[in-house]
Amino acid sequence: MFVSIFLYILVLYFVMLLYCTGVAQLIPNDKLTVTHNRTGIVMP
């Protein structure tokens, strides 16, 4: 069960990384900031 939780977190992080790098140009900065604040990920 611990492995499935770890894989879920890993996939979620990977999706967020793609979201932050690929979709950052497509959405407004305010929405991007809200997403970062909600997930605790801060990217330049």
C-alpha atoms as a PDB file:
ATOM      1  CA  MET A   1       0.000   0.000   0.000  1.00  0.00           C
ATOM      2  CA  PHE A   2       2.902   2.331   0.758  1.00  0.00           C
ATOM      3  CA  VAL A   3       4.283   1.731  -2.733  1.00  0.00           C
ATOM      4  CA  SER A   4       1.008   2.766  -4.365  1.00  0.00           C
ATOM      5  CA  ILE A   5       0.963   5.996  -2.338  1.00  0.00           C
ATOM      6  CA  PHE A   6       4.565   6.698  -3.347  1.00  0.00           C
ATOM      7  CA  LEU A   7       3.776   6.119  -7.022  1.00  0.00           C
ATOM      8  CA  TYR A   8       0.729   8.382  -6.754  1.00  0.00           C
ATOM      9  CA  ILE A   9       2.839  11.199  -5.288  1.00  0.00           C
ATOM     10  CA  LEU A  10       5.526  10.649  -7.928  1.00  0.00           C
ATOM     11  CA  VAL A  11       3.017  10.820 -10.792  1.00  0.00           C
ATOM     12  CA  LEU A  12       1.340  13.858  -9.258  1.00  0.00           C
ATOM     13  CA  TYR A  13       4.713  15.634  -8.994  1.00  0.00           C
ATOM     14  CA  PHE A  14       5.563  14.734 -12.590  1.00  0.00           C
ATOM     15  CA  VAL A  15       2.224  16.063 -13.843  1.00  0.00           C
ATOM     16  CA  MET A  16       2.684  19.271 -11.863  1.00  0.00           C
ATOM     17  CA  LEU A  17       6.179  19.653 -13.300  1.00  0.00           C
ATOM     18  CA  LEU A  18       4.823  19.322 -16.848  1.00  0.00           C
ATOM     19  CA  TYR A  19       1.982  21.667 -15.947  1.00  0.00           C
ATOM     20  CA  CYS A  20       4.339  24.315 -14.604  1.00  0.00           C
ATOM     21  CA  THR A  21       6.757  24.103 -17.530  1.00  0.00           C
ATOM     22  CA  GLY A  22       4.432  23.470 -20.461  1.00  0.00           C
ATOM     23  CA  VAL A  23       1.180  25.195 -19.604  1.00  0.00           C
ATOM     24  CA  ALA A  24       2.740  28.219 -17.921  1.00  0.00           C
ATOM     25  CA  GLN A  25       2.643  30.138 -21.200  1.00  0.00           C
ATOM     26  CA  LEU A  26      -1.022  29.351 -21.789  1.00  0.00           C
ATOM     27  CA  ILE A  27      -2.596  30.531 -18.535  1.00  0.00           C
ATOM     28  CA  PRO A  28      -2.532  33.866 -16.661  1.00  0.00           C
ATOM     29  CA  ASN A  29       0.116  34.442 -14.015  1.00  0.00           C
ATOM     30  CA  ASP A  30      -2.436  34.912 -11.238  1.00  0.00           C
ATOM     31  CA  LYS A  31      -3.909  31.456 -11.805  1.00  0.00           C
ATOM     32  CA  LEU A  32      -0.407  29.972 -11.911  1.00  0.00           C
ATOM     33  CA  THR A  33       0.433  31.656  -8.614  1.00  0.00           C
ATOM     34  CA  VAL A  34      -2.726  30.305  -6.985  1.00  0.00           C
ATOM     35  CA  THR A  35      -1.820  26.802  -8.162  1.00  0.00           C
ATOM     36  CA  HIS A  36       1.681  27.128  -6.688  1.00  0.00           C
ATOM     37  CA  ASN A  37       0.344  28.416  -3.391  1.00  0.00           C
ATOM     38  CA  ARG A  38      -2.149  25.557  -3.175  1.00  0.00           C
ATOM     39  CA  THR A  39       0.396  22.832  -3.865  1.00  0.00           C
ATOM     40  CA  GLY A  40       3.326  24.438  -2.063  1.00  0.00           C
ATOM     41  CA  ILE A  41       5.510  24.368  -5.174  1.00  0.00           C
ATOM     42  CA  VAL A  42       7.365  27.595  -5.892  1.00  0.00           C
ATOM     43  CA  MET A  43       8.933  27.949  -9.328  1.00  0.00           C
ATOM     44  CA  PRO A  44      10.589  31.027 -10.851  1.00  0.00           C
END
